[in-house]
Amino acid sequence: MKPLRIGTRGSLLAKWQAEHVRKLLFQLSGVAAELIIIKTAGDKIQNIPLTRIGGKGVFIKELEEALLENKIDLAVHSVKDVPTETPAGLFFPALLRREDVRDCLVGPSGASLATLRAGARVGTGSLRRQAQLRHVRPDLDLRELRGNVDTRLRKAQSGEYEAVVLAKAGLDRLGWSDRISEALSPEVCLPAVGQGAISVESRVADQETAEMLRQLNHEETRVAVLAERALLAKLQGGCQVPLGAWARMDRQELVMEACVVSPDGKEYIRERASMPPERAEELGIEIARRLLDAGAGRILELAGRHG
């Protein structure tokens, strides 16, 4: 079989993820692959908040176009960047085993959320993180921060921010876990839908590649992500909504928690439920219904349903 072409964004983390998939494919199938770097709209537009450029697909659209145009054979994404609607002709044969779902604080002073001073400058480009942190610490000065992981770490190191908030899985993958000041409990900050998981997308018509990719699939991760994405679809959310969700297996049940928080952090709605894993989508829809019944629709409208 000829070498596969793996499409990826050019950031350090994206390349690490694509390289990880490349190694796994070689170990399992003996198939060689090369990385093809593709710049997405989200990479090109760094100075505008994601809420303003439209969250849906800004980090994957160009990769999907390359797949449809047969310029690459598969694309590797962070699940949290993937919209709930997939273009016709494409699908996801594999979700890799999920890593730590938590957000974390990185601050040069080693401060935790509890010990940051009142008025401390904290950077994150995520409306979800901003809203949940404002709920717990309304006295913090939460500021917009875009850029790749290494860029954001530099801004924390320089003192421009007293702390920045990042996905822990990204730092773990890049070998930078020692920079973490505090891993934030999901009780405080529920992660983004799909956070910590890597997905691999390919063409429906290319069954040979899809068959190989299925070997990489981790079923427990797939079921959890299915529930979270069903919730997101029901709430019509893009990347930039103040919504946190986390589904995971607990004994024989799929347990999920989700919250919707007003951007100022003052209104906070949280729900929890469980169902057998074969009813993953139903679980996501049920929690979305409960959130909407409790008033989440109005909060999402106020947040502009960005994305």
Protein backbone atom coordinates (compact mmCIF):
# COMPACT_ATOMS: atom_id res chain seq x y z
CA MET A 1 0.00 0.00 0.00
CA LYS A 2 1.31 3.46 -0.88
CA PRO A 3 2.19 5.80 2.03
CA LEU A 4 -0.78 7.56 3.55
CA ARG A 5 -1.03 11.36 3.63
CA ILE A 6 -2.04 12.66 7.05
CA GLY A 7 -3.46 16.19 7.10
CA THR A 8 -2.78 18.31 10.17
CA ARG A 9 -2.61 21.90 11.35
CA GLY A 10 0.88 23.26 11.86
CA SER A 11 0.86 23.92 15.61
CA LEU A 12 3.19 21.94 17.88
CA LEU A 13 0.27 20.13 19.50
CA ALA A 14 -1.49 19.35 16.20
CA LYS A 15 1.74 17.93 14.75
CA TRP A 16 2.30 15.85 17.90
CA GLN A 17 -1.20 14.38 17.53
CA ALA A 18 -0.73 13.60 13.83
CA GLU A 19 2.69 12.07 14.50
CA HIS A 20 1.11 9.93 17.26
CA VAL A 21 -1.45 8.61 14.74
CA ARG A 22 1.31 8.02 12.18
CA LYS A 23 3.30 5.90 14.68
CA LEU A 24 0.25 3.91 15.78
CA LEU A 25 -0.66 3.11 12.17
CA PHE A 26 2.88 1.92 11.47
CA GLN A 27 2.92 -0.25 14.62
CA LEU A 28 -0.46 -1.83 13.90
CA SER A 29 -0.41 -2.11 10.09
CA GLY A 30 3.18 -1.48 9.00
CA VAL A 31 1.89 1.34 6.79
CA ALA A 32 4.11 4.36 6.22
CA ALA A 33 2.61 7.85 6.29
CA GLU A 34 3.70 11.44 5.80
CA LEU A 35 2.36 14.60 7.44
CA ILE A 36 0.84 17.31 5.23
CA ILE A 37 0.61 20.67 7.02
CA ILE A 38 -2.53 22.68 6.21
CA LYS A 39 -3.21 26.18 7.55
CA THR A 40 -6.79 26.74 8.73
CA ALA A 41 -8.77 29.97 9.17
CA GLY A 42 -8.41 29.62 12.94
CA ASP A 43 -4.60 29.59 12.55
CA LYS A 44 -4.51 32.56 10.17
CA ILE A 45 -6.74 34.87 12.24
CA GLN A 46 -5.00 35.18 15.60
CA ASN A 47 -5.97 38.69 16.68
CA ILE A 48 -9.77 38.29 16.77
CA PRO A 49 -11.70 36.39 19.48
CA LEU A 50 -13.10 33.04 18.30
CA THR A 51 -16.58 34.26 19.22
CA ARG A 52 -16.29 36.90 16.47
CA ILE A 53 -14.82 34.77 13.66
CA GLY A 54 -17.44 32.06 14.20
CA GLY A 55 -16.41 29.01 16.19
CA LYS A 56 -17.77 26.26 13.96
CA GLY A 57 -15.08 24.51 11.97
CA VAL A 58 -12.50 27.31 11.94
CA PHE A 59 -9.78 24.80 12.84
CA ILE A 60 -10.85 21.97 10.52
CA LYS A 61 -12.67 23.31 7.43
CA GLU A 62 -9.55 23.44 5.22
CA LEU A 63 -8.54 19.94 6.34
CA GLU A 64 -11.96 18.59 5.37
CA GLU A 65 -11.72 20.32 1.98
CA ALA A 66 -8.32 18.68 1.40
CA LEU A 67 -9.88 15.29 2.23
CA LEU A 68 -12.77 15.83 -0.18
CA GLU A 69 -10.34 16.95 -2.90
CA ASN A 70 -8.21 13.82 -2.34
CA LYS A 71 -5.13 15.86 -1.36
CA ILE A 72 -4.83 13.89 1.89
CA ASP A 73 -6.08 10.45 3.01
CA LEU A 74 -6.94 11.23 6.63
CA ALA A 75 -7.10 14.24 8.94
CA VAL A 76 -6.30 14.34 12.65
CA HIS A 77 -8.30 16.71 14.87
CA SER A 78 -8.81 17.59 18.52
CA VAL A 79 -12.43 16.50 19.04
CA LYS A 80 -13.28 19.79 20.76
CA ASP A 81 -12.57 21.62 17.45
CA VAL A 82 -14.99 19.42 15.44
CA PRO A 83 -18.51 20.78 14.70
CA THR A 84 -21.47 18.46 15.24
CA GLU A 85 -22.23 18.36 11.49
CA THR A 86 -19.86 16.44 9.20
CA PRO A 87 -19.71 17.11 5.42
CA ALA A 88 -21.25 14.44 3.17
CA GLY A 89 -18.67 11.87 2.13
CA LEU A 90 -16.59 12.15 5.31
CA PHE A 91 -16.77 10.29 8.64
CA PHE A 92 -14.77 9.42 11.76
CA PRO A 93 -13.67 5.78 11.85
CA ALA A 94 -11.50 6.30 14.96
CA LEU A 95 -11.44 8.14 18.24
CA LEU A 96 -8.25 7.50 20.18
CA ARG A 97 -8.20 6.75 23.90
CA ARG A 98 -9.03 9.95 25.73
CA GLU A 99 -6.44 11.62 27.94
CA ASP A 100 -7.06 13.82 31.02
CA VAL A 101 -10.18 15.92 30.36
CA ARG A 102 -9.37 18.68 32.87
CA ASP A 103 -8.44 22.30 32.33
CA CYS A 104 -5.41 23.58 34.20
CA LEU A 105 -3.86 26.81 35.42
CA VAL A 106 -0.33 27.78 34.41
CA GLY A 107 1.18 30.67 36.31
CA PRO A 108 4.82 31.61 36.84
CA SER A 109 4.12 32.18 40.54
CA GLY A 110 2.61 28.69 40.89
CA ALA A 111 -0.68 30.20 42.06
CA SER A 112 -3.84 28.12 42.34
CA LEU A 113 -7.34 29.39 41.59
CA ALA A 114 -7.91 29.89 45.31
CA THR A 115 -4.67 31.81 45.91
CA LEU A 116 -4.70 34.16 42.89
CA ARG A 117 -5.04 37.73 44.14
CA ALA A 118 -8.25 39.71 43.54
CA GLY A 119 -7.97 41.40 40.15
CA ALA A 120 -5.33 38.97 38.87
CA ARG A 121 -5.08 38.92 35.06
CA VAL A 122 -6.02 35.45 33.79
CA GLY A 123 -5.91 34.64 30.06
CA THR A 124 -8.19 32.29 28.11
CA GLY A 125 -9.90 32.59 24.73
CA SER A 126 -12.66 30.20 25.80
CA LEU A 127 -16.06 31.59 26.76
CA ARG A 128 -16.77 28.29 28.57
CA ARG A 129 -13.71 28.70 30.81
CA GLN A 130 -14.30 32.42 31.37
CA ALA A 131 -17.91 31.87 32.45
CA GLN A 132 -17.14 29.01 34.84
CA LEU A 133 -14.17 30.80 36.41
CA ARG A 134 -16.22 33.99 36.85
CA HIS A 135 -18.82 31.89 38.66
CA VAL A 136 -16.20 30.79 41.21
CA ARG A 137 -13.94 33.88 41.22
CA PRO A 138 -15.90 36.94 39.98
CA ASP A 139 -13.06 39.15 41.26
CA LEU A 140 -10.53 37.92 38.64
CA ASP A 141 -9.69 39.99 35.55
CA LEU A 142 -10.36 37.41 32.82
CA ARG A 143 -8.90 38.47 29.48
CA GLU A 144 -9.07 37.23 25.91
CA LEU A 145 -6.08 35.08 24.89
CA ARG A 146 -5.59 33.34 21.54
CA GLY A 147 -2.66 31.45 20.06
CA ASN A 148 -1.03 28.04 20.18
CA VAL A 149 -0.09 26.37 23.48
CA ASP A 150 3.54 27.56 23.32
CA THR A 151 2.45 31.16 22.58
CA ARG A 152 0.09 31.17 25.56
CA LEU A 153 2.72 29.69 27.87
CA ARG A 154 5.17 32.44 26.84
CA LYS A 155 2.58 35.10 27.73
CA ALA A 156 2.20 33.59 31.20
CA GLN A 157 5.98 33.37 31.63
CA SER A 158 6.48 37.00 30.59
CA GLY A 159 4.13 38.20 33.33
CA GLU A 160 1.59 39.62 30.85
CA TYR A 161 -0.91 37.32 32.60
CA GLU A 162 -0.68 36.06 36.15
CA ALA A 163 -2.09 32.77 34.94
CA VAL A 164 -3.42 31.22 31.75
CA VAL A 165 -5.95 28.40 31.44
CA LEU A 166 -5.23 25.51 29.07
CA ALA A 167 -6.37 21.93 28.42
CA LYS A 168 -4.20 19.66 30.58
CA ALA A 169 -4.07 16.94 27.89
CA GLY A 170 -2.21 19.25 25.50
CA LEU A 171 0.50 20.04 28.05
CA ASP A 172 0.79 16.36 29.02
CA ARG A 173 1.23 15.36 25.37
CA LEU A 174 3.93 17.95 24.76
CA GLY A 175 5.83 16.92 27.89
CA TRP A 176 5.11 20.18 29.71
CA SER A 177 3.12 18.84 32.66
CA ASP A 178 5.70 20.33 35.04
CA ARG A 179 4.50 23.82 34.12
CA ILE A 180 1.01 23.20 35.52
CA SER A 181 0.23 25.19 38.70
CA GLU A 182 -3.11 23.46 39.30
CA ALA A 183 -5.34 20.96 37.51
CA LEU A 184 -8.88 22.31 37.85
CA SER A 185 -11.43 19.85 39.21
CA PRO A 186 -14.45 19.19 36.94
CA GLU A 187 -16.48 20.29 39.96
CA VAL A 188 -15.06 23.77 39.33
CA CYS A 189 -14.61 23.76 35.55
CA LEU A 190 -16.28 21.17 33.35
CA PRO A 191 -14.31 20.57 30.13
CA ALA A 192 -15.32 21.31 26.55
CA VAL A 193 -17.22 18.64 24.63
CA GLY A 194 -14.63 16.10 23.45
CA GLN A 195 -11.74 17.69 25.38
CA GLY A 196 -8.73 15.37 25.70
CA ALA A 197 -9.78 13.18 22.75
CA ILE A 198 -8.25 12.93 19.26
CA SER A 199 -10.39 11.99 16.23
CA VAL A 200 -9.35 10.74 12.82
CA GLU A 201 -11.46 11.65 9.79
CA SER A 202 -11.43 9.98 6.37
CA ARG A 203 -13.50 9.53 3.22
CA VAL A 204 -16.48 7.16 3.36
CA ALA A 205 -15.50 5.86 -0.10
CA ASP A 206 -11.96 4.96 1.01
CA GLN A 207 -12.80 1.77 2.89
CA GLU A 208 -9.21 0.48 2.89
CA THR A 209 -7.98 3.47 4.90
CA ALA A 210 -11.08 3.44 7.12
CA GLU A 211 -10.53 -0.24 7.96
CA MET A 212 -6.99 0.49 9.08
CA LEU A 213 -8.10 3.47 11.15
CA ARG A 214 -10.76 1.43 12.95
CA GLN A 215 -7.92 -0.41 14.70
CA LEU A 216 -7.12 2.85 16.52
CA ASN A 217 -10.66 3.31 17.86
CA HIS A 218 -11.20 3.26 21.63
CA GLU A 219 -14.81 2.29 22.24
CA GLU A 220 -15.19 3.79 25.72
CA THR A 221 -13.98 7.16 24.40
CA ARG A 222 -16.27 6.93 21.36
CA VAL A 223 -19.35 6.33 23.53
CA ALA A 224 -18.52 9.22 25.90
CA VAL A 225 -17.87 11.64 23.02
CA LEU A 226 -21.09 10.50 21.31
CA ALA A 227 -23.10 11.52 24.39
CA GLU A 228 -21.34 14.89 24.72
CA ARG A 229 -21.75 15.73 21.03
CA ALA A 230 -25.46 14.76 21.11
CA LEU A 231 -25.86 17.30 23.93
CA LEU A 232 -23.98 19.95 21.94
CA ALA A 233 -26.08 19.32 18.81
CA LYS A 234 -29.33 19.54 20.79
CA LEU A 235 -28.23 22.87 22.30
CA GLN A 236 -27.13 24.06 18.82
CA GLY A 237 -23.75 25.00 20.18
CA GLY A 238 -20.55 25.70 18.27
CA CYS A 239 -17.10 25.83 19.83
CA GLN A 240 -17.84 29.09 21.58
CA VAL A 241 -20.76 28.56 23.94
CA PRO A 242 -20.56 28.72 27.75
CA LEU A 243 -21.19 24.96 28.00
CA GLY A 244 -19.14 22.34 29.83
CA ALA A 245 -19.74 18.58 29.61
CA TRP A 246 -18.07 15.36 30.70
CA ALA A 247 -19.26 11.81 30.06
CA ARG A 248 -17.40 8.74 31.30
CA MET A 249 -17.99 5.11 32.19
CA ASP A 250 -18.59 4.37 35.87
CA ARG A 251 -19.00 0.65 36.50
CA GLN A 252 -21.48 -0.40 33.80
CA GLU A 253 -23.14 2.99 33.35
CA LEU A 254 -22.31 6.00 31.20
CA VAL A 255 -22.43 9.00 33.56
CA MET A 256 -22.56 12.55 32.28
CA GLU A 257 -22.52 16.01 33.83
CA ALA A 258 -23.05 19.25 31.94
CA CYS A 259 -23.42 22.92 32.77
CA VAL A 260 -24.48 26.11 31.03
CA VAL A 261 -23.20 29.34 32.57
CA SER A 262 -23.95 32.96 31.73
CA PRO A 263 -20.86 34.79 30.40
CA ASP A 264 -20.70 36.89 33.58
CA GLY A 265 -20.78 33.70 35.69
CA LYS A 266 -23.83 34.75 37.67
CA GLU A 267 -26.30 32.21 36.28
CA TYR A 268 -25.23 28.59 36.56
CA ILE A 269 -27.23 25.51 35.60
CA ARG A 270 -25.79 22.02 36.04
CA GLU A 271 -27.32 18.60 35.41
CA ARG A 272 -26.17 15.00 35.86
CA ALA A 273 -27.66 11.71 34.61
CA SER A 274 -26.62 8.20 33.63
CA MET A 275 -27.75 5.52 31.16
CA PRO A 276 -26.33 2.30 29.70
CA PRO A 277 -23.55 3.07 27.15
CA GLU A 278 -25.65 1.85 24.20
CA ARG A 279 -27.98 4.80 24.91
CA ALA A 280 -25.18 7.40 24.72
CA GLU A 281 -26.94 9.76 22.29
CA GLU A 282 -30.16 9.51 24.28
CA LEU A 283 -28.23 10.50 27.43
CA GLY A 284 -26.84 13.61 25.75
CA ILE A 285 -30.30 14.63 24.50
CA GLU A 286 -31.88 14.00 27.93
CA ILE A 287 -29.34 16.21 29.73
CA ALA A 288 -29.80 18.91 27.07
CA ARG A 289 -33.57 18.74 27.70
CA ARG A 290 -33.08 19.11 31.46
CA LEU A 291 -30.74 22.07 30.97
CA LEU A 292 -33.25 23.75 28.64
CA ASP A 293 -36.09 23.10 31.08
CA ALA A 294 -34.01 24.82 33.77
CA GLY A 295 -33.51 27.94 31.63
CA ALA A 296 -30.32 27.22 29.65
CA GLY A 297 -31.90 28.35 26.37
CA ARG A 298 -32.14 31.94 27.58
CA ILE A 299 -28.51 31.91 28.79
CA LEU A 300 -27.34 30.58 25.41
CA GLU A 301 -29.37 33.27 23.64
CA LEU A 302 -27.75 35.92 25.81
CA ALA A 303 -24.33 34.50 24.98
CA GLY A 304 -25.30 34.93 21.33
CA ARG A 305 -25.18 31.22 20.49
CA HIS A 306 -21.80 31.99 18.96
CA GLY A 307 -20.23 29.42 16.69
